[in-house]
């Protein structure tokens, strides 16, 4: 009796794994489509709730819809924990934390009450917008972009270090050149101006008044255009490399006997065990 129950649970777990994780099956695709629409509608509901003209007449409906989505995402989260080979690893993974953040705000508001906590409750409920990050697992290109950013992280860190040094030096120089007359009242405020200028944002709240300061600002503006192009080029090159690696990985011929995947595209037999490749 006990063994039959275990076998039944294992079969159920296997079926659920196919439905939730295997997107190449009909049921798996249907599950993903339903979940995608649920995520989009729940985020849309959060945005509508912030509009007073909509919340007043439809507040009850939005609350019911919110709890319906919360229950749906709770079931999904528990199912993922149940079918995962390592539930703890999933729970503390990026996607696991995002799934949990999609649930917690609604449940926390059940236990936090009182007029003095209304502002805190509102902030907690706004965290529901993190549900939009659940869409990441359904985008194949997201893995390519993640690989590219991971591969280029050292170059980007060096680039950010160089830019930080530049704005520190420029901000200090502008503080010495302009003084407090043009709004450069301190070195941190001057560094803020340098960041706004080098990123070509240009709020205009602080502007140099002296000729030397304007020349320095002009040089920094021109440098800003070149600086913006650097991280774009770094990430783009890594995206191309990641895309090539993904295509190569998908086209690999894997031996069904020894599972070796280092074969030439025209290979007919495995170089390790001699098994015929399909």
Protein backbone atom coordinates (compact mmCIF):
# COMPACT_ATOMS: atom_id res chain seq x y z
CA UNK A 1 0.00 0.00 0.00
CA UNK A 2 2.77 2.39 0.96
CA UNK A 3 4.78 1.58 -2.17
CA UNK A 4 1.74 2.15 -4.40
CA UNK A 5 1.20 5.57 -2.81
CA UNK A 6 4.87 6.47 -3.38
CA UNK A 7 4.67 5.33 -7.00
CA UNK A 8 1.50 7.36 -7.50
CA UNK A 9 3.13 10.49 -6.02
CA UNK A 10 6.20 10.01 -8.22
CA UNK A 11 4.02 9.68 -11.32
CA UNK A 12 2.08 12.81 -10.35
CA UNK A 13 5.33 14.66 -9.74
CA UNK A 14 6.65 13.60 -13.14
CA UNK A 15 3.46 14.76 -14.89
CA UNK A 16 3.56 18.09 -13.10
CA UNK A 17 7.22 18.51 -14.05
CA UNK A 18 6.32 17.99 -17.72
CA UNK A 19 3.45 20.49 -17.48
CA UNK A 20 5.38 23.22 -15.63
CA UNK A 21 8.89 22.91 -17.06
CA UNK A 22 8.49 21.19 -20.44
CA UNK A 23 7.31 23.96 -22.78
CA UNK A 24 7.53 21.76 -25.90
CA UNK A 25 4.41 19.81 -24.89
CA UNK A 26 0.85 20.95 -25.61
CA UNK A 27 -0.14 21.04 -21.93
CA UNK A 28 3.12 22.78 -21.02
CA UNK A 29 2.53 25.50 -23.61
CA UNK A 30 -1.03 25.98 -22.37
CA UNK A 31 0.21 26.30 -18.78
CA UNK A 32 2.78 28.92 -19.82
CA UNK A 33 0.20 30.91 -21.81
CA UNK A 34 -2.23 30.97 -18.86
CA UNK A 35 0.55 32.03 -16.49
CA UNK A 36 1.77 34.74 -18.87
CA UNK A 37 -1.69 36.27 -19.11
CA UNK A 38 -2.10 36.03 -15.33
CA UNK A 39 1.18 37.90 -14.77
CA UNK A 40 0.30 40.64 -17.25
CA UNK A 41 -3.25 41.07 -15.93
CA UNK A 42 -2.08 41.14 -12.30
CA UNK A 43 0.49 43.87 -13.04
CA UNK A 44 -2.16 45.77 -15.03
CA UNK A 45 -4.47 45.50 -12.01
CA UNK A 46 -1.79 46.96 -9.73
CA UNK A 47 -1.48 49.96 -12.05
CA UNK A 48 -5.25 50.46 -12.25
CA UNK A 49 -5.49 50.33 -8.45
CA UNK A 50 -3.34 53.45 -8.21
CA UNK A 51 -5.88 55.48 -10.24
CA UNK A 52 -8.50 56.97 -7.89
CA UNK A 53 -11.14 57.32 -10.62
CA UNK A 54 -10.94 53.57 -11.28
CA UNK A 55 -10.34 52.34 -7.73
CA UNK A 56 -13.43 53.98 -6.22
CA UNK A 57 -16.07 52.26 -8.42
CA UNK A 58 -14.15 49.03 -9.09
CA UNK A 59 -12.13 48.63 -5.88
CA UNK A 60 -13.97 45.47 -4.77
CA UNK A 61 -13.51 43.83 -8.16
CA UNK A 62 -9.79 44.69 -8.21
CA UNK A 63 -9.38 43.27 -4.70
CA UNK A 64 -11.09 40.00 -5.69
CA UNK A 65 -8.96 39.77 -8.83
CA UNK A 66 -5.82 40.43 -6.77
CA UNK A 67 -6.56 37.55 -4.42
CA UNK A 68 -7.43 35.27 -7.33
CA UNK A 69 -4.01 35.98 -8.87
CA UNK A 70 -2.33 35.60 -5.47
CA UNK A 71 -3.89 32.16 -4.96
CA UNK A 72 -2.92 31.12 -8.50
CA UNK A 73 0.71 32.20 -8.00
CA UNK A 74 0.77 30.52 -4.57
CA UNK A 75 -0.29 27.21 -6.12
CA UNK A 76 2.32 27.64 -8.84
CA UNK A 77 5.05 28.42 -6.27
CA UNK A 78 4.17 25.39 -4.13
CA UNK A 79 4.07 23.13 -7.19
CA UNK A 80 7.52 24.30 -8.26
CA UNK A 81 8.83 23.54 -4.76
CA UNK A 82 7.16 20.10 -4.87
CA UNK A 83 8.56 19.01 -8.24
CA UNK A 84 12.03 20.58 -7.90
CA UNK A 85 14.87 18.13 -7.30
CA UNK A 86 16.28 20.62 -4.82
CA UNK A 87 13.47 22.76 -3.32
CA UNK A 88 15.88 24.80 -1.20
CA UNK A 89 18.00 25.67 -4.21
CA UNK A 90 14.93 26.81 -6.14
CA UNK A 91 13.57 28.81 -3.19
CA UNK A 92 16.80 30.84 -2.89
CA UNK A 93 17.39 31.17 -6.65
CA UNK A 94 16.65 34.43 -8.48
CA UNK A 95 13.42 33.15 -10.01
CA UNK A 96 12.37 31.56 -6.70
CA UNK A 97 12.82 34.86 -4.86
CA UNK A 98 10.87 36.69 -7.57
CA UNK A 99 8.05 34.14 -7.28
CA UNK A 100 8.00 34.67 -3.51
CA UNK A 101 7.97 38.46 -3.87
CA UNK A 102 4.89 38.10 -6.06
CA UNK A 103 3.07 36.47 -3.14
CA UNK A 104 4.28 38.10 0.07
CA UNK A 105 2.79 41.62 -0.26
CA UNK A 106 -0.80 40.36 -0.35
CA UNK A 107 -0.30 38.03 2.63
CA UNK A 108 1.61 40.60 4.68
CA UNK A 109 -1.31 43.04 4.46
CA UNK A 110 -3.48 40.45 6.25
CA UNK A 111 -1.35 40.74 9.39
CA UNK A 112 -0.31 44.42 9.28
CA UNK A 113 -3.17 46.72 10.20
CA UNK A 114 -3.79 50.08 11.84
CA UNK A 115 -4.03 53.66 10.63
CA UNK A 116 -0.38 54.48 11.37
CA UNK A 117 0.78 51.61 9.12
CA UNK A 118 -1.25 52.56 6.04
CA UNK A 119 1.76 54.08 4.28
CA UNK A 120 3.85 50.94 4.96
CA UNK A 121 1.05 48.69 3.68
CA UNK A 122 0.80 50.75 0.50
CA UNK A 123 4.55 50.40 -0.10
CA UNK A 124 4.40 46.64 0.50
CA UNK A 125 1.49 46.21 -1.88
CA UNK A 126 3.35 48.11 -4.59
CA UNK A 127 5.96 45.34 -4.50
CA UNK A 128 3.46 43.24 -6.44
CA UNK A 129 4.85 44.88 -9.55
CA UNK A 130 7.79 42.44 -9.18
CA UNK A 131 5.51 39.90 -10.81
CA UNK A 132 6.54 41.37 -14.14
CA UNK A 133 9.99 39.83 -13.56
CA UNK A 134 8.36 36.39 -13.69
CA UNK A 135 8.14 36.92 -17.45
CA UNK A 136 11.91 36.46 -17.70
CA UNK A 137 11.72 32.67 -17.54
CA UNK A 138 9.57 32.61 -20.71
CA UNK A 139 11.99 34.57 -22.88
CA UNK A 140 14.63 32.48 -24.63
CA UNK A 141 16.60 35.63 -25.47
CA UNK A 142 16.82 36.45 -21.75
CA UNK A 143 19.36 33.66 -21.26
CA UNK A 144 21.48 35.04 -24.12
CA UNK A 145 21.40 38.53 -22.62
CA UNK A 146 22.23 37.16 -19.16
CA UNK A 147 25.22 35.24 -20.57
CA UNK A 148 26.41 38.36 -22.39
CA UNK A 149 26.18 40.56 -19.28
CA UNK A 150 27.93 37.92 -17.18
CA UNK A 151 30.76 37.59 -19.70
CA UNK A 152 31.23 41.36 -19.97
CA UNK A 153 30.97 42.14 -16.25
CA UNK A 154 34.74 42.62 -15.76
CA UNK A 155 35.02 45.01 -18.71
CA UNK A 156 31.97 46.94 -17.56
CA UNK A 157 33.37 47.21 -14.00
CA UNK A 158 36.65 48.59 -15.37
CA UNK A 159 34.68 51.03 -17.54
CA UNK A 160 32.57 52.17 -14.56
CA UNK A 161 35.74 52.65 -12.54
CA UNK A 162 37.19 54.89 -15.27
CA UNK A 163 33.97 56.93 -15.52
CA UNK A 164 33.82 57.29 -11.72
CA UNK A 165 37.39 58.58 -11.69
CA UNK A 166 36.56 61.03 -14.49
CA UNK A 167 33.53 62.53 -12.73
CA UNK A 168 35.41 62.74 -9.43
CA UNK A 169 38.25 64.71 -11.04
CA UNK A 170 35.93 66.87 -13.17
CA UNK A 171 33.62 67.60 -10.25
CA UNK A 172 36.53 68.68 -8.08
CA UNK A 173 37.93 70.90 -10.86
CA UNK A 174 34.55 72.56 -11.42
CA UNK A 175 34.25 73.23 -7.69
CA UNK A 176 37.66 74.96 -7.81
CA UNK A 177 36.85 76.87 -11.01
CA UNK A 178 33.26 77.95 -10.37
CA UNK A 179 33.02 78.11 -6.59
CA UNK A 180 29.58 78.61 -5.05
CA UNK A 181 28.47 81.26 -7.54
CA UNK A 182 27.08 78.92 -10.22
CA UNK A 183 25.58 76.41 -7.82
CA UNK A 184 28.76 74.39 -7.26
CA UNK A 185 28.49 74.75 -3.49
CA UNK A 186 30.39 71.56 -2.63
CA UNK A 187 32.44 68.80 -4.25
CA UNK A 188 29.61 66.21 -4.00
CA UNK A 189 27.21 68.63 -5.73
CA UNK A 190 29.84 69.32 -8.39
CA UNK A 191 30.26 65.57 -8.91
CA UNK A 192 26.47 65.32 -9.33
CA UNK A 193 26.73 67.96 -12.08
CA UNK A 194 29.56 66.00 -13.73
CA UNK A 195 27.47 62.80 -13.74
CA UNK A 196 24.46 64.61 -15.23
CA UNK A 197 26.70 66.18 -17.88
CA UNK A 198 28.73 63.11 -18.87
CA UNK A 199 25.54 61.05 -19.28
CA UNK A 200 24.15 63.83 -21.54
CA UNK A 201 21.04 64.14 -19.32
CA UNK A 202 21.50 67.85 -18.68
CA UNK A 203 18.90 68.87 -16.09
CA UNK A 204 20.11 72.46 -16.19
CA UNK A 205 19.74 73.05 -12.44
CA UNK A 206 23.48 73.77 -12.21
CA UNK A 207 25.39 75.49 -15.01
CA UNK A 208 28.94 76.91 -15.22
CA UNK A 209 29.20 80.70 -15.45
CA UNK A 210 32.90 81.25 -16.16
CA UNK A 211 34.56 80.77 -19.55
CA UNK A 212 36.98 78.12 -18.22
CA UNK A 213 34.09 76.27 -16.62
CA UNK A 214 32.08 76.34 -19.85
CA UNK A 215 35.06 75.03 -21.81
CA UNK A 216 35.49 72.20 -19.29
CA UNK A 217 31.77 71.43 -19.52
CA UNK A 218 31.93 71.36 -23.34
CA UNK A 219 34.82 68.88 -23.28
CA UNK A 220 32.93 66.71 -20.79
CA UNK A 221 29.80 66.78 -22.98
CA UNK A 222 31.74 65.64 -26.05
CA UNK A 223 33.38 62.90 -24.00
CA UNK A 224 29.92 61.81 -22.86
CA UNK A 225 28.91 60.72 -26.35
CA UNK A 226 31.99 58.52 -26.65
CA UNK A 227 31.54 57.14 -23.13
CA UNK A 228 27.93 56.07 -23.80
CA UNK A 229 29.06 54.06 -26.85
CA UNK A 230 31.65 52.00 -24.93
CA UNK A 231 29.36 49.77 -22.79
CA UNK A 232 27.02 49.35 -25.78
CA UNK A 233 29.89 47.96 -27.85
CA UNK A 234 31.07 45.70 -25.03
CA UNK A 235 27.66 44.17 -24.41
CA UNK A 236 26.87 43.89 -28.14
CA UNK A 237 30.03 41.91 -28.86
CA UNK A 238 29.30 39.57 -25.96
CA UNK A 239 25.69 39.11 -27.15
CA UNK A 240 27.00 38.03 -30.56
CA UNK A 241 29.40 35.57 -28.89
CA UNK A 242 26.65 34.25 -26.60
CA UNK A 243 24.27 33.82 -29.55
CA UNK A 244 26.93 31.90 -31.47
CA UNK A 245 27.56 29.71 -28.42
CA UNK A 246 23.82 29.07 -28.03
CA UNK A 247 23.47 28.05 -31.70
CA UNK A 248 26.52 25.81 -31.43
CA UNK A 249 25.12 24.21 -28.27
CA UNK A 250 21.75 23.56 -29.93
CA UNK A 251 23.43 21.99 -32.97
CA UNK A 252 25.68 19.67 -30.96
CA UNK A 253 25.45 15.96 -31.73
CA UNK A 254 25.16 13.99 -28.49
CA UNK A 255 26.04 10.31 -28.30
CA UNK A 256 23.13 8.29 -26.89
CA UNK A 257 25.54 5.78 -25.34
CA UNK A 258 28.25 7.80 -23.56
CA UNK A 259 26.57 11.26 -23.89
CA UNK A 260 29.70 12.83 -25.40
CA UNK A 261 28.81 16.03 -27.28
CA UNK A 262 32.19 17.06 -28.76
CA UNK A 263 31.55 15.78 -32.28
CA UNK A 264 32.09 17.31 -35.70
CA UNK A 265 28.91 18.28 -37.60
CA UNK A 266 29.50 15.52 -40.20
CA UNK A 267 30.46 12.80 -37.68
CA UNK A 268 28.61 9.47 -38.02
CA UNK A 269 30.21 7.54 -35.16
CA UNK A 270 31.15 8.57 -31.61
CA UNK A 271 34.87 9.26 -31.21
CA UNK A 272 34.77 7.88 -27.67
CA UNK A 273 32.72 4.66 -27.74
CA UNK A 274 32.20 4.12 -31.49
CA UNK A 275 28.40 4.17 -31.17
CA UNK A 276 26.48 5.25 -34.28
CA UNK A 277 25.26 8.84 -34.00
CA UNK A 278 21.72 9.79 -34.91
